[in-house]
Amino acid sequence: GGSSPAALAVAGQHADVYMTWGEPLASVREQIARVQAAAAPYGRAPRISVSFRPIVADTEAAAWEKAEAIRERVRATRLASGQPIAGHAPQNAGSQRLMAAAAQGD
């Protein structure tokens, strides 16, 4: 994964652009700092790209309804494929951070 210590070391030495996804602001700042620290010994400064996937609707309530519908589709897909819904830990570091952020609440 692109967030593991090994991946950050490779990114620091070789990446022109480091891409990550939207997380809480403090987490994004920390991740960018780790990338910059990994790149500094090589005199590099990779550009940063943060991807967000907003859920947009006419009202906030409607957006939350869409979010719940998306979550239910994910649950149904995981169930249909025999994958666990809860109590599992993703292997990649980025997903682990997202799961931790989600556990903190809305």
PDB file of N, CA and C in Angstrom:
ATOM      1  N   GLY A   1       0.818  -1.192   0.000  1.00  0.00           N
ATOM      2  CA  GLY A   1       0.000   0.000   0.000  1.00  0.00           C
ATOM      3  C   GLY A   1       0.852   1.242   0.000  1.00  0.00           C
ATOM      4  N   GLY A   2       0.279   2.361  -0.364  1.00  0.00           N
ATOM      5  CA  GLY A   2       0.990   3.612  -0.484  1.00  0.00           C
ATOM      6  C   GLY A   2       1.198   4.358   0.817  1.00  0.00           C
ATOM      7  N   SER A   3       0.716   3.824   1.925  1.00  0.00           N
ATOM      8  CA  SER A   3       0.853   4.513   3.206  1.00  0.00           C
ATOM      9  C   SER A   3       1.728   3.768   4.199  1.00  0.00           C
ATOM     10  N   SER A   4       2.164   2.584   3.841  1.00  0.00           N
ATOM     11  CA  SER A   4       3.020   1.817   4.745  1.00  0.00           C
ATOM     12  C   SER A   4       4.389   2.495   4.836  1.00  0.00           C
ATOM     13  N   PRO A   5       5.146   2.222   5.879  1.00  0.00           N
ATOM     14  CA  PRO A   5       6.488   2.805   5.972  1.00  0.00           C
ATOM     15  C   PRO A   5       7.351   2.502   4.744  1.00  0.00           C
ATOM     16  N   ALA A   6       7.266   1.282   4.228  1.00  0.00           N
ATOM     17  CA  ALA A   6       8.059   0.929   3.038  1.00  0.00           C
ATOM     18  C   ALA A   6       7.616   1.748   1.833  1.00  0.00           C
ATOM     19  N   ALA A   7       6.304   1.921   1.672  1.00  0.00           N
ATOM     20  CA  ALA A   7       5.793   2.688   0.534  1.00  0.00           C
ATOM     21  C   ALA A   7       6.187   4.158   0.648  1.00  0.00           C
ATOM     22  N   LEU A   8       6.151   4.696   1.850  1.00  0.00           N
ATOM     23  CA  LEU A   8       6.553   6.092   2.026  1.00  0.00           C
ATOM     24  C   LEU A   8       8.030   6.283   1.702  1.00  0.00           C
ATOM     25  N   ALA A   9       8.858   5.305   2.041  1.00  0.00           N
ATOM     26  CA  ALA A   9      10.283   5.388   1.710  1.00  0.00           C
ATOM     27  C   ALA A   9      10.485   5.414   0.202  1.00  0.00           C
ATOM     28  N   VAL A  10       9.757   4.572  -0.512  1.00  0.00           N
ATOM     29  CA  VAL A  10       9.847   4.545  -1.979  1.00  0.00           C
ATOM     30  C   VAL A  10       9.322   5.859  -2.554  1.00  0.00           C
ATOM     31  N   ALA A  11       8.194   6.325  -2.031  1.00  0.00           N
ATOM     32  CA  ALA A  11       7.624   7.588  -2.509  1.00  0.00           C
ATOM     33  C   ALA A  11       8.600   8.736  -2.285  1.00  0.00           C
ATOM     34  N   GLY A  12       9.218   8.760  -1.130  1.00  0.00           N
ATOM     35  CA  GLY A  12      10.168   9.821  -0.833  1.00  0.00           C
ATOM     36  C   GLY A  12      11.313   9.875  -1.819  1.00  0.00           C
ATOM     37  N   GLN A  13      11.747   8.727  -2.270  1.00  0.00           N
ATOM     38  CA  GLN A  13      12.884   8.666  -3.184  1.00  0.00           C
ATOM     39  C   GLN A  13      12.481   8.841  -4.642  1.00  0.00           C
ATOM     40  N   HIS A  14      11.275   8.400  -5.024  1.00  0.00           N
ATOM     41  CA  HIS A  14      10.950   8.327  -6.449  1.00  0.00           C
ATOM     42  C   HIS A  14       9.708   9.089  -6.906  1.00  0.00           C
ATOM     43  N   ALA A  15       8.755   9.346  -6.032  1.00  0.00           N
ATOM     44  CA  ALA A  15       7.464   9.886  -6.478  1.00  0.00           C
ATOM     45  C   ALA A  15       7.558  11.359  -6.866  1.00  0.00           C
ATOM     46  N   ASP A  16       6.904  11.693  -7.960  1.00  0.00           N
ATOM     47  CA  ASP A  16       6.728  13.094  -8.337  1.00  0.00           C
ATOM     48  C   ASP A  16       5.436  13.636  -7.725  1.00  0.00           C
ATOM     49  N   VAL A  17       4.449  12.747  -7.583  1.00  0.00           N
ATOM     50  CA  VAL A  17       3.160  13.099  -6.984  1.00  0.00           C
ATOM     51  C   VAL A  17       2.797  12.000  -5.995  1.00  0.00           C
ATOM     52  N   TYR A  18       2.396  12.392  -4.798  1.00  0.00           N
ATOM     53  CA  TYR A  18       1.914  11.436  -3.809  1.00  0.00           C
ATOM     54  C   TYR A  18       0.420  11.655  -3.683  1.00  0.00           C
ATOM     55  N   MET A  19      -0.340  10.592  -3.904  1.00  0.00           N
ATOM     56  CA  MET A  19      -1.795  10.691  -3.875  1.00  0.00           C
ATOM     57  C   MET A  19      -2.338   9.974  -2.650  1.00  0.00           C
ATOM     58  N   THR A  20      -3.288  10.608  -2.006  1.00  0.00           N
ATOM     59  CA  THR A  20      -3.944  10.021  -0.848  1.00  0.00           C
ATOM     60  C   THR A  20      -5.419  10.360  -0.926  1.00  0.00           C
ATOM     61  N   TRP A  21      -6.197   9.843   0.010  1.00  0.00           N
ATOM     62  CA  TRP A  21      -7.620  10.153  -0.010  1.00  0.00           C
ATOM     63  C   TRP A  21      -7.983  10.993   1.196  1.00  0.00           C
ATOM     64  N   GLY A  22      -9.171  11.568   1.124  1.00  0.00           N
ATOM     65  CA  GLY A  22      -9.624  12.446   2.188  1.00  0.00           C
ATOM     66  C   GLY A  22      -9.809  11.717   3.503  1.00  0.00           C
ATOM     67  N   GLU A  23      -9.229  12.260   4.514  1.00  0.00           N
ATOM     68  CA  GLU A  23      -9.340  11.781   5.888  1.00  0.00           C
ATOM     69  C   GLU A  23      -9.551  13.029   6.735  1.00  0.00           C
ATOM     70  N   PRO A  24      -9.703  12.886   8.035  1.00  0.00           N
ATOM     71  CA  PRO A  24      -9.751  14.094   8.863  1.00  0.00           C
ATOM     72  C   PRO A  24      -8.513  14.960   8.603  1.00  0.00           C
ATOM     73  N   LEU A  25      -8.692  16.264   8.670  1.00  0.00           N
ATOM     74  CA  LEU A  25      -7.636  17.204   8.306  1.00  0.00           C
ATOM     75  C   LEU A  25      -6.322  16.927   9.032  1.00  0.00           C
ATOM     76  N   ALA A  26      -6.379  16.648  10.319  1.00  0.00           N
ATOM     77  CA  ALA A  26      -5.149  16.377  11.074  1.00  0.00           C
ATOM     78  C   ALA A  26      -4.422  15.157  10.516  1.00  0.00           C
ATOM     79  N   SER A  27      -5.164  14.145  10.110  1.00  0.00           N
ATOM     80  CA  SER A  27      -4.551  12.936   9.546  1.00  0.00           C
ATOM     81  C   SER A  27      -3.894  13.231   8.206  1.00  0.00           C
ATOM     82  N   VAL A  28      -4.546  14.057   7.388  1.00  0.00           N
ATOM     83  CA  VAL A  28      -3.959  14.428   6.089  1.00  0.00           C
ATOM     84  C   VAL A  28      -2.671  15.208   6.318  1.00  0.00           C
ATOM     85  N   ARG A  29      -2.694  16.131   7.261  1.00  0.00           N
ATOM     86  CA  ARG A  29      -1.473  16.898   7.572  1.00  0.00           C
ATOM     87  C   ARG A  29      -0.336  15.971   7.990  1.00  0.00           C
ATOM     88  N   GLU A  30      -0.649  15.004   8.854  1.00  0.00           N
ATOM     89  CA  GLU A  30       0.375  14.060   9.321  1.00  0.00           C
ATOM     90  C   GLU A  30       0.925  13.233   8.164  1.00  0.00           C
ATOM     91  N   GLN A  31       0.046  12.782   7.276  1.00  0.00           N
ATOM     92  CA  GLN A  31       0.479  11.966   6.145  1.00  0.00           C
ATOM     93  C   GLN A  31       1.379  12.780   5.215  1.00  0.00           C
ATOM     94  N   ILE A  32       0.988  14.019   4.939  1.00  0.00           N
ATOM     95  CA  ILE A  32       1.812  14.888   4.091  1.00  0.00           C
ATOM     96  C   ILE A  32       3.169  15.115   4.751  1.00  0.00           C
ATOM     97  N   ALA A  33       3.193  15.328   6.054  1.00  0.00           N
ATOM     98  CA  ALA A  33       4.467  15.524   6.766  1.00  0.00           C
ATOM     99  C   ALA A  33       5.353  14.290   6.651  1.00  0.00           C
ATOM    100  N   ARG A  34       4.758  13.091   6.729  1.00  0.00           N
ATOM    101  CA  ARG A  34       5.544  11.855   6.578  1.00  0.00           C
ATOM    102  C   ARG A  34       6.138  11.755   5.172  1.00  0.00           C
ATOM    103  N   VAL A  35       5.354  12.118   4.169  1.00  0.00           N
ATOM    104  CA  VAL A  35       5.856  12.083   2.788  1.00  0.00           C
ATOM    105  C   VAL A  35       6.997  13.082   2.635  1.00  0.00           C
ATOM    106  N   GLN A  36       6.804  14.291   3.133  1.00  0.00           N
ATOM    107  CA  GLN A  36       7.846  15.310   3.023  1.00  0.00           C
ATOM    108  C   GLN A  36       9.118  14.885   3.755  1.00  0.00           C
ATOM    109  N   ALA A  37       8.966  14.272   4.916  1.00  0.00           N
ATOM    110  CA  ALA A  37      10.134  13.806   5.670  1.00  0.00           C
ATOM    111  C   ALA A  37      10.861  12.696   4.924  1.00  0.00           C
ATOM    112  N   ALA A  38      10.109  11.820   4.264  1.00  0.00           N
ATOM    113  CA  ALA A  38      10.729  10.731   3.499  1.00  0.00           C
ATOM    114  C   ALA A  38      11.448  11.262   2.268  1.00  0.00           C
ATOM    115  N   ALA A  39      10.961  12.363   1.706  1.00  0.00           N
ATOM    116  CA  ALA A  39      11.548  12.919   0.486  1.00  0.00           C
ATOM    117  C   ALA A  39      12.737  13.838   0.769  1.00  0.00           C
ATOM    118  N   ALA A  40      12.760  14.448   1.938  1.00  0.00           N
ATOM    119  CA  ALA A  40      13.784  15.446   2.260  1.00  0.00           C
ATOM    120  C   ALA A  40      15.220  14.956   2.083  1.00  0.00           C
ATOM    121  N   PRO A  41      15.576  13.736   2.519  1.00  0.00           N
ATOM    122  CA  PRO A  41      16.969  13.295   2.344  1.00  0.00           C
ATOM    123  C   PRO A  41      17.409  13.220   0.879  1.00  0.00           C
ATOM    124  N   TYR A  42      16.453  13.177  -0.031  1.00  0.00           N
ATOM    125  CA  TYR A  42      16.760  13.083  -1.458  1.00  0.00           C
ATOM    126  C   TYR A  42      16.620  14.433  -2.151  1.00  0.00           C
ATOM    127  N   GLY A  43      16.370  15.477  -1.376  1.00  0.00           N
ATOM    128  CA  GLY A  43      16.197  16.804  -1.962  1.00  0.00           C
ATOM    129  C   GLY A  43      14.959  16.897  -2.837  1.00  0.00           C
ATOM    130  N   ARG A  44      13.954  16.118  -2.510  1.00  0.00           N
ATOM    131  CA  ARG A  44      12.743  16.060  -3.331  1.00  0.00           C
ATOM    132  C   ARG A  44      11.566  16.659  -2.575  1.00  0.00           C
ATOM    133  N   ALA A  45      10.578  17.101  -3.328  1.00  0.00           N
ATOM    134  CA  ALA A  45       9.342  17.643  -2.749  1.00  0.00           C
ATOM    135  C   ALA A  45       8.177  17.205  -3.632  1.00  0.00           C
ATOM    136  N   PRO A  46       7.714  15.964  -3.467  1.00  0.00           N
ATOM    137  CA  PRO A  46       6.601  15.490  -4.302  1.00  0.00           C
ATOM    138  C   PRO A  46       5.365  16.379  -4.134  1.00  0.00           C
ATOM    139  N   ARG A  47       4.671  16.593  -5.235  1.00  0.00           N
ATOM    140  CA  ARG A  47       3.381  17.282  -5.150  1.00  0.00           C
ATOM    141  C   ARG A  47       2.401  16.341  -4.458  1.00  0.00           C
ATOM    142  N   ILE A  48       1.371  16.906  -3.870  1.00  0.00           N
ATOM    143  CA  ILE A  48       0.387  16.134  -3.119  1.00  0.00           C
ATOM    144  C   ILE A  48      -0.970  16.253  -3.803  1.00  0.00           C
ATOM    145  N   SER A  49      -1.660  15.128  -3.927  1.00  0.00           N
ATOM    146  CA  SER A  49      -3.024  15.092  -4.463  1.00  0.00           C
ATOM    147  C   SER A  49      -3.901  14.373  -3.445  1.00  0.00           C
ATOM    148  N   VAL A  50      -4.972  15.041  -3.012  1.00  0.00           N
ATOM    149  CA  VAL A  50      -5.907  14.442  -2.060  1.00  0.00           C
ATOM    150  C   VAL A  50      -7.242  14.248  -2.770  1.00  0.00           C
ATOM    151  N   SER A  51      -7.729  13.021  -2.792  1.00  0.00           N
ATOM    152  CA  SER A  51      -9.002  12.702  -3.451  1.00  0.00           C
ATOM    153  C   SER A  51     -10.126  12.653  -2.424  1.00  0.00           C
ATOM    154  N   PHE A  52     -11.213  13.301  -2.762  1.00  0.00           N
ATOM    155  CA  PHE A  52     -12.413  13.273  -1.928  1.00  0.00           C
ATOM    156  C   PHE A  52     -13.551  12.697  -2.743  1.00  0.00           C
ATOM    157  N   ARG A  53     -14.457  12.049  -2.088  1.00  0.00           N
ATOM    158  CA  ARG A  53     -15.640  11.501  -2.742  1.00  0.00           C
ATOM    159  C   ARG A  53     -16.869  12.007  -1.995  1.00  0.00           C
ATOM    160  N   PRO A  54     -17.230  13.258  -2.272  1.00  0.00           N
ATOM    161  CA  PRO A  54     -18.365  13.823  -1.541  1.00  0.00           C
ATOM    162  C   PRO A  54     -19.676  13.164  -1.940  1.00  0.00           C
ATOM    163  N   ILE A  55     -20.582  13.134  -1.013  1.00  0.00           N
ATOM    164  CA  ILE A  55     -21.938  12.656  -1.273  1.00  0.00           C
ATOM    165  C   ILE A  55     -22.808  13.905  -1.296  1.00  0.00           C
ATOM    166  N   VAL A  56     -23.345  14.212  -2.469  1.00  0.00           N
ATOM    167  CA  VAL A  56     -24.045  15.466  -2.690  1.00  0.00           C
ATOM    168  C   VAL A  56     -25.532  15.210  -2.890  1.00  0.00           C
ATOM    169  N   ALA A  57     -26.337  16.048  -2.265  1.00  0.00           N
ATOM    170  CA  ALA A  57     -27.793  15.991  -2.431  1.00  0.00           C
ATOM    171  C   ALA A  57     -28.344  17.395  -2.184  1.00  0.00           C
ATOM    172  N   ASP A  58     -29.644  17.549  -2.382  1.00  0.00           N
ATOM    173  CA  ASP A  58     -30.268  18.864  -2.206  1.00  0.00           C
ATOM    174  C   ASP A  58     -30.227  19.354  -0.764  1.00  0.00           C
ATOM    175  N   THR A  59     -30.254  18.431   0.184  1.00  0.00           N
ATOM    176  CA  THR A  59     -30.199  18.801   1.601  1.00  0.00           C
ATOM    177  C   THR A  59     -29.196  17.903   2.311  1.00  0.00           C
ATOM    178  N   GLU A  60     -28.779  18.326   3.489  1.00  0.00           N
ATOM    179  CA  GLU A  60     -27.869  17.494   4.273  1.00  0.00           C
ATOM    180  C   GLU A  60     -28.538  16.176   4.640  1.00  0.00           C
ATOM    181  N   ALA A  61     -29.816  16.245   4.988  1.00  0.00           N
ATOM    182  CA  ALA A  61     -30.542  15.015   5.345  1.00  0.00           C
ATOM    183  C   ALA A  61     -30.572  14.042   4.171  1.00  0.00           C
ATOM    184  N   ALA A  62     -30.800  14.561   2.975  1.00  0.00           N
ATOM    185  CA  ALA A  62     -30.826  13.698   1.791  1.00  0.00           C
ATOM    186  C   ALA A  62     -29.441  13.116   1.517  1.00  0.00           C
ATOM    187  N   ALA A  63     -28.395  13.896   1.766  1.00  0.00           N
ATOM    188  CA  ALA A  63     -27.031  13.386   1.580  1.00  0.00           C
ATOM    189  C   ALA A  63     -26.753  12.249   2.557  1.00  0.00           C
ATOM    190  N   TRP A  64     -27.202  12.389   3.804  1.00  0.00           N
ATOM    191  CA  TRP A  64     -27.020  11.308   4.775  1.00  0.00           C
ATOM    192  C   TRP A  64     -27.815  10.073   4.368  1.00  0.00           C
ATOM    193  N   GLU A  65     -28.993  10.271   3.800  1.00  0.00           N
ATOM    194  CA  GLU A  65     -29.771   9.123   3.303  1.00  0.00           C
ATOM    195  C   GLU A  65     -29.004   8.403   2.198  1.00  0.00           C
ATOM    196  N   LYS A  66     -28.399   9.174   1.294  1.00  0.00           N
ATOM    197  CA  LYS A  66     -27.582   8.564   0.237  1.00  0.00           C
ATOM    198  C   LYS A  66     -26.406   7.799   0.834  1.00  0.00           C
ATOM    199  N   ALA A  67     -25.764   8.394   1.830  1.00  0.00           N
ATOM    200  CA  ALA A  67     -24.622   7.735   2.476  1.00  0.00           C
ATOM    201  C   ALA A  67     -25.046   6.413   3.096  1.00  0.00           C
ATOM    202  N   GLU A  68     -26.184   6.407   3.767  1.00  0.00           N
ATOM    203  CA  GLU A  68     -26.688   5.163   4.365  1.00  0.00           C
ATOM    204  C   GLU A  68     -26.997   4.124   3.286  1.00  0.00           C
ATOM    205  N   ALA A  69     -27.561   4.566   2.165  1.00  0.00           N
ATOM    206  CA  ALA A  69     -27.862   3.638   1.070  1.00  0.00           C
ATOM    207  C   ALA A  69     -26.576   3.041   0.502  1.00  0.00           C
ATOM    208  N   ILE A  70     -25.551   3.854   0.376  1.00  0.00           N
ATOM    209  CA  ILE A  70     -24.255   3.358  -0.109  1.00  0.00           C
ATOM    210  C   ILE A  70     -23.702   2.330   0.872  1.00  0.00           C
ATOM    211  N   ARG A  71     -23.762   2.650   2.156  1.00  0.00           N
ATOM    212  CA  ARG A  71     -23.257   1.712   3.163  1.00  0.00           C
ATOM    213  C   ARG A  71     -24.012   0.385   3.101  1.00  0.00           C
ATOM    214  N   GLU A  72     -25.308   0.443   2.921  1.00  0.00           N
ATOM    215  CA  GLU A  72     -26.096  -0.791   2.839  1.00  0.00           C
ATOM    216  C   GLU A  72     -25.742  -1.602   1.594  1.00  0.00           C
ATOM    217  N   ARG A  73     -25.466  -0.931   0.471  1.00  0.00           N
ATOM    218  CA  ARG A  73     -25.043  -1.659  -0.743  1.00  0.00           C
ATOM    219  C   ARG A  73     -23.700  -2.342  -0.516  1.00  0.00           C
ATOM    220  N   VAL A  74     -22.797  -1.658   0.156  1.00  0.00           N
ATOM    221  CA  VAL A  74     -21.490  -2.257   0.464  1.00  0.00           C
ATOM    222  C   VAL A  74     -21.680  -3.474   1.366  1.00  0.00           C
ATOM    223  N   ARG A  75     -22.506  -3.328   2.391  1.00  0.00           N
ATOM    224  CA  ARG A  75     -22.771  -4.457   3.299  1.00  0.00           C
ATOM    225  C   ARG A  75     -23.351  -5.641   2.528  1.00  0.00           C
ATOM    226  N   ALA A  76     -24.328  -5.376   1.665  1.00  0.00           N
ATOM    227  CA  ALA A  76     -24.967  -6.448   0.895  1.00  0.00           C
ATOM    228  C   ALA A  76     -23.966  -7.127  -0.029  1.00  0.00           C
ATOM    229  N   THR A  77     -23.112  -6.347  -0.655  1.00  0.00           N
ATOM    230  CA  THR A  77     -22.099  -6.907  -1.557  1.00  0.00           C
ATOM    231  C   THR A  77     -21.124  -7.782  -0.781  1.00  0.00           C
ATOM    232  N   ARG A  78     -20.685  -7.312   0.385  1.00  0.00           N
ATOM    233  CA  ARG A  78     -19.760  -8.104   1.205  1.00  0.00           C
ATOM    234  C   ARG A  78     -20.423  -9.394   1.665  1.00  0.00           C
ATOM    235  N   LEU A  79     -21.673  -9.298   2.102  1.00  0.00           N
ATOM    236  CA  LEU A  79     -22.395 -10.499   2.534  1.00  0.00           C
ATOM    237  C   LEU A  79     -22.526 -11.499   1.393  1.00  0.00           C
ATOM    238  N   ALA A  80     -22.892 -11.009   0.217  1.00  0.00           N
ATOM    239  CA  ALA A  80     -23.097 -11.887  -0.936  1.00  0.00           C
ATOM    240  C   ALA A  80     -21.813 -12.592  -1.354  1.00  0.00           C
ATOM    241  N   SER A  81     -20.676 -11.950  -1.106  1.00  0.00           N
ATOM    242  CA  SER A  81     -19.402 -12.552  -1.506  1.00  0.00           C
ATOM    243  C   SER A  81     -18.729 -13.299  -0.359  1.00  0.00           C
ATOM    244  N   GLY A  82     -19.407 -13.390   0.782  1.00  0.00           N
ATOM    245  CA  GLY A  82     -18.853 -14.131   1.909  1.00  0.00           C
ATOM    246  C   GLY A  82     -17.786 -13.392   2.687  1.00  0.00           C
ATOM    247  N   GLN A  83     -17.682 -12.083   2.492  1.00  0.00           N
ATOM    248  CA  GLN A  83     -16.685 -11.292   3.210  1.00  0.00           C
ATOM    249  C   GLN A  83     -17.272 -10.790   4.526  1.00  0.00           C
ATOM    250  N   PRO A  84     -16.448 -10.649   5.539  1.00  0.00           N
ATOM    251  CA  PRO A  84     -16.964 -10.159   6.821  1.00  0.00           C
ATOM    252  C   PRO A  84     -17.407  -8.706   6.716  1.00  0.00           C
ATOM    253  N   ILE A  85     -18.393  -8.359   7.522  1.00  0.00           N
ATOM    254  CA  ILE A  85     -18.893  -6.982   7.540  1.00  0.00           C
ATOM    255  C   ILE A  85     -18.225  -6.194   8.655  1.00  0.00           C
ATOM    256  N   ALA A  86     -17.987  -6.834   9.763  1.00  0.00           N
ATOM    257  CA  ALA A  86     -17.371  -6.154  10.906  1.00  0.00           C
ATOM    258  C   ALA A  86     -16.332  -7.078  11.522  1.00  0.00           C
ATOM    259  N   GLY A  87     -15.482  -6.486  12.326  1.00  0.00           N
ATOM    260  CA  GLY A  87     -14.502  -7.283  13.044  1.00  0.00           C
ATOM    261  C   GLY A  87     -13.326  -7.740  12.205  1.00  0.00           C
ATOM    262  N   HIS A  88     -13.143  -7.147  11.037  1.00  0.00           N
ATOM    263  CA  HIS A  88     -11.992  -7.489  10.206  1.00  0.00           C
ATOM    264  C   HIS A  88     -11.106  -6.254  10.087  1.00  0.00           C
ATOM    265  N   ALA A  89      -9.855  -6.474   9.846  1.00  0.00           N
ATOM    266  CA  ALA A  89      -8.917  -5.364   9.693  1.00  0.00           C
ATOM    267  C   ALA A  89      -8.337  -5.398   8.286  1.00  0.00           C
ATOM    268  N   PRO A  90      -8.467  -4.304   7.554  1.00  0.00           N
ATOM    269  CA  PRO A  90      -7.859  -4.269   6.225  1.00  0.00           C
ATOM    270  C   PRO A  90      -6.337  -4.383   6.335  1.00  0.00           C
ATOM    271  N   GLN A  91      -5.726  -4.902   5.291  1.00  0.00           N
ATOM    272  CA  GLN A  91      -4.278  -5.086   5.316  1.00  0.00           C
ATOM    273  C   GLN A  91      -3.527  -3.807   4.995  1.00  0.00           C
ATOM    274  N   ASN A  92      -4.108  -2.934   4.158  1.00  0.00           N
ATOM    275  CA  ASN A  92      -3.338  -1.754   3.763  1.00  0.00           C
ATOM    276  C   ASN A  92      -3.470  -0.633   4.794  1.00  0.00           C
ATOM    277  N   ALA A  93      -2.395   0.108   4.943  1.00  0.00           N
ATOM    278  CA  ALA A  93      -2.300   1.135   5.985  1.00  0.00           C
ATOM    279  C   ALA A  93      -3.319   2.247   5.793  1.00  0.00           C
ATOM    280  N   GLY A  94      -3.582   2.650   4.558  1.00  0.00           N
ATOM    281  CA  GLY A  94      -4.546   3.717   4.310  1.00  0.00           C
ATOM    282  C   GLY A  94      -5.944   3.340   4.754  1.00  0.00           C
ATOM    283  N   SER A  95      -6.360   2.131   4.435  1.00  0.00           N
ATOM    284  CA  SER A  95      -7.691   1.675   4.857  1.00  0.00           C
ATOM    285  C   SER A  95      -7.766   1.534   6.371  1.00  0.00           C
ATOM    286  N   GLN A  96      -6.670   1.148   6.984  1.00  0.00           N
ATOM    287  CA  GLN A  96      -6.649   1.057   8.445  1.00  0.00           C
ATOM    288  C   GLN A  96      -6.878   2.434   9.062  1.00  0.00           C
ATOM    289  N   ARG A  97      -6.253   3.474   8.485  1.00  0.00           N
ATOM    290  CA  ARG A  97      -6.455   4.832   8.988  1.00  0.00           C
ATOM    291  C   ARG A  97      -7.897   5.281   8.779  1.00  0.00           C
ATOM    292  N   LEU A  98      -8.480   4.956   7.621  1.00  0.00           N
ATOM    293  CA  LEU A  98      -9.870   5.339   7.370  1.00  0.00           C
ATOM    294  C   LEU A  98     -10.819   4.644   8.331  1.00  0.00           C
ATOM    295  N   MET A  99     -10.566   3.370   8.610  1.00  0.00           N
ATOM    296  CA  MET A  99     -11.408   2.640   9.558  1.00  0.00           C
ATOM    297  C   MET A  99     -11.311   3.270  10.950  1.00  0.00           C
ATOM    298  N   ALA A 100     -10.122   3.673  11.349  1.00  0.00           N
ATOM    299  CA  ALA A 100      -9.949   4.314  12.654  1.00  0.00           C
ATOM    300  C   ALA A 100     -10.691   5.647  12.700  1.00  0.00           C
ATOM    301  N   ALA A 101     -10.618   6.415  11.609  1.00  0.00           N
ATOM    302  CA  ALA A 101     -11.338   7.692  11.559  1.00  0.00           C
ATOM    303  C   ALA A 101     -12.839   7.465  11.616  1.00  0.00           C
ATOM    304  N   ALA A 102     -13.324   6.463  10.894  1.00  0.00           N
ATOM    305  CA  ALA A 102     -14.760   6.165  10.887  1.00  0.00           C
ATOM    306  C   ALA A 102     -15.234   5.733  12.266  1.00  0.00           C
ATOM    307  N   ALA A 103     -14.394   5.029  12.996  1.00  0.00           N
ATOM    308  CA  ALA A 103     -14.772   4.560  14.328  1.00  0.00           C
ATOM    309  C   ALA A 103     -14.947   5.714  15.313  1.00  0.00           C
ATOM    310  N   GLN A 104     -14.359   6.870  14.977  1.00  0.00           N
ATOM    311  CA  GLN A 104     -14.475   8.032  15.853  1.00  0.00           C
ATOM    312  C   GLN A 104     -15.816   8.738  15.687  1.00  0.00           C
ATOM    313  N   GLY A 105     -16.579   8.387  14.666  1.00  0.00           N
ATOM    314  CA  GLY A 105     -17.911   8.965  14.492  1.00  0.00           C
ATOM    315  C   GLY A 105     -18.070   9.695  13.184  1.00  0.00           C
ATOM    316  N   ASP A 106     -19.245  10.305  13.047  1.00  0.00           N
ATOM    317  CA  ASP A 106     -19.582  11.021  11.817  1.00  0.00           C
ATOM    318  C   ASP A 106     -18.635  12.160  11.659  1.00  0.00           C
TER     319      ASP A 106
END
